[in-house]
Amino acid sequence: MLNNWIRGLAFAAGALMALGGFAAASTGAGAAGEIWTIIIGAGVMIVAVVQRPRYRSNEAESSHEDPGPGGGENDYLEPRFLPTTELFVDPTSQRLMRVFVDPRTGERRYRAEG
């Protein structure tokens, strides 16, 4: 899970890398390293834009709510989400997480146990 300022820093670094690759390519040297510099810089920018914290729904992300314990959902879960027997330990927080699923759509939500 990356903070917004880290994502911004990664995007800026990717942009500088891609621009540097374009600048080097415009000199006409024709080295393959310039193309890889552009590709890697663009990749870093894309990852910085699409990365989001794990175990959270799009609704929780768009409302900028604080994550719950273990990084999962913090608020009230709709009754359509039923608890499953699936449990796992989050490798970052070491919290036991339970999976909730909407049987109709297959949408999953995660909440820390205990």
Protein backbone atom coordinates (compact mmCIF):
# COMPACT_ATOMS: atom_id res chain seq x y z
CA MET A 1 0.00 0.00 0.00
CA LEU A 2 1.59 3.23 -1.14
CA ASN A 3 0.84 6.63 0.28
CA ASN A 4 -0.29 9.30 -2.16
CA TRP A 5 2.99 11.20 -1.90
CA ILE A 6 4.97 8.04 -2.71
CA ARG A 7 2.72 7.42 -5.71
CA GLY A 8 3.28 11.03 -6.83
CA LEU A 9 7.03 10.67 -6.41
CA ALA A 10 7.02 7.41 -8.40
CA PHE A 11 4.97 9.04 -11.16
CA ALA A 12 7.36 12.01 -11.32
CA ALA A 13 10.39 9.69 -11.43
CA GLY A 14 8.78 7.67 -14.23
CA ALA A 15 7.98 10.84 -16.15
CA LEU A 16 11.55 12.11 -15.83
CA MET A 17 12.86 8.73 -16.93
CA ALA A 18 10.60 8.63 -19.98
CA LEU A 19 11.40 12.25 -20.90
CA GLY A 20 15.11 11.51 -20.54
CA GLY A 21 14.71 8.55 -22.87
CA PHE A 22 12.89 10.72 -25.42
CA ALA A 23 15.57 13.41 -25.14
CA ALA A 24 18.34 10.85 -25.65
CA ALA A 25 16.47 9.32 -28.61
CA SER A 26 16.07 12.74 -30.23
CA THR A 27 19.85 13.07 -30.51
CA GLY A 28 19.75 10.31 -33.10
CA ALA A 29 22.21 7.94 -31.44
CA GLY A 30 19.77 5.05 -31.95
CA ALA A 31 20.74 2.97 -28.91
CA ALA A 32 18.29 0.35 -27.63
CA GLY A 33 18.81 1.62 -24.07
CA GLU A 34 16.82 4.74 -24.88
CA ILE A 35 13.79 2.70 -25.85
CA TRP A 36 14.00 0.65 -22.64
CA THR A 37 14.32 3.85 -20.61
CA ILE A 38 11.10 5.14 -22.18
CA ILE A 39 9.27 1.83 -21.64
CA ILE A 40 10.34 1.48 -18.01
CA GLY A 41 9.51 5.12 -17.25
CA ALA A 42 6.06 4.73 -18.80
CA GLY A 43 5.54 1.51 -16.84
CA VAL A 44 6.40 3.22 -13.55
CA MET A 45 3.90 5.99 -14.35
CA ILE A 46 1.16 3.46 -15.13
CA VAL A 47 1.78 1.50 -11.93
CA ALA A 48 1.72 4.71 -9.87
CA VAL A 49 -1.68 5.61 -11.33
CA VAL A 50 -3.43 2.22 -11.06
CA GLN A 51 -1.95 1.02 -7.75
CA ARG A 52 -4.35 1.00 -4.82
CA PRO A 53 -4.33 -0.46 -1.32
CA ARG A 54 -5.16 -4.14 -1.05
CA TYR A 55 -8.33 -5.61 0.43
CA ARG A 56 -10.52 -2.55 -0.12
CA SER A 57 -13.55 -2.04 -2.29
CA ASN A 58 -13.72 0.65 -4.95
CA GLU A 59 -16.41 2.43 -2.92
CA ALA A 60 -14.14 2.65 0.14
CA GLU A 61 -11.25 3.85 -2.05
CA SER A 62 -13.28 6.55 -3.78
CA SER A 63 -14.68 7.89 -0.49
CA HIS A 64 -11.14 8.09 0.99
CA GLU A 65 -12.23 6.29 4.16
CA ASP A 66 -9.55 5.11 6.53
CA PRO A 67 -8.74 1.44 6.06
CA GLY A 68 -9.77 -0.96 8.76
CA PRO A 69 -7.42 -3.18 10.73
CA GLY A 70 -5.26 -5.19 8.36
CA GLY A 71 -6.09 -2.81 5.50
CA GLY A 72 -9.58 -4.25 4.88
CA GLU A 73 -13.03 -2.75 5.05
CA ASN A 74 -13.77 -0.57 8.06
CA ASP A 75 -17.43 0.30 7.63
CA TYR A 76 -20.68 -1.60 7.69
CA LEU A 77 -20.82 -4.45 5.18
CA GLU A 78 -24.05 -4.74 3.24
CA PRO A 79 -26.15 -7.81 4.11
CA ARG A 80 -25.52 -9.24 0.63
CA PHE A 81 -21.93 -10.03 1.72
CA LEU A 82 -21.79 -13.37 3.51
CA PRO A 83 -18.81 -14.60 5.53
CA THR A 84 -16.87 -17.49 4.05
CA THR A 85 -14.63 -20.05 5.71
CA GLU A 86 -11.66 -18.50 3.87
CA LEU A 87 -9.16 -17.02 6.32
CA PHE A 88 -5.62 -15.82 5.66
CA VAL A 89 -2.89 -13.88 7.43
CA ASP A 90 -2.11 -10.55 5.81
CA PRO A 91 1.65 -10.59 5.18
CA THR A 92 2.02 -6.86 5.87
CA SER A 93 0.01 -6.39 9.07
CA GLN A 94 0.12 -10.02 10.30
CA ARG A 95 -3.64 -9.72 10.98
CA LEU A 96 -6.04 -12.61 10.41
CA MET A 97 -8.41 -11.62 7.59
CA ARG A 98 -11.82 -13.12 6.74
CA VAL A 99 -13.23 -13.08 3.22
CA PHE A 100 -16.84 -12.00 2.65
CA VAL A 101 -18.51 -12.65 -0.71
CA ASP A 102 -21.66 -11.61 -2.53
CA PRO A 103 -22.89 -14.99 -3.83
CA ARG A 104 -24.83 -13.35 -6.66
CA THR A 105 -21.95 -11.34 -8.19
CA GLY A 106 -18.86 -12.99 -6.70
CA GLU A 107 -17.63 -9.61 -5.37
CA ARG A 108 -15.30 -10.03 -2.40
CA ARG A 109 -14.62 -7.92 0.67
CA TYR A 110 -12.04 -8.43 3.40
CA ARG A 111 -12.24 -7.69 7.11
CA ALA A 112 -9.83 -8.30 9.99
CA GLU A 113 -10.91 -10.92 12.49
CA GLY A 114 -10.94 -10.18 16.19
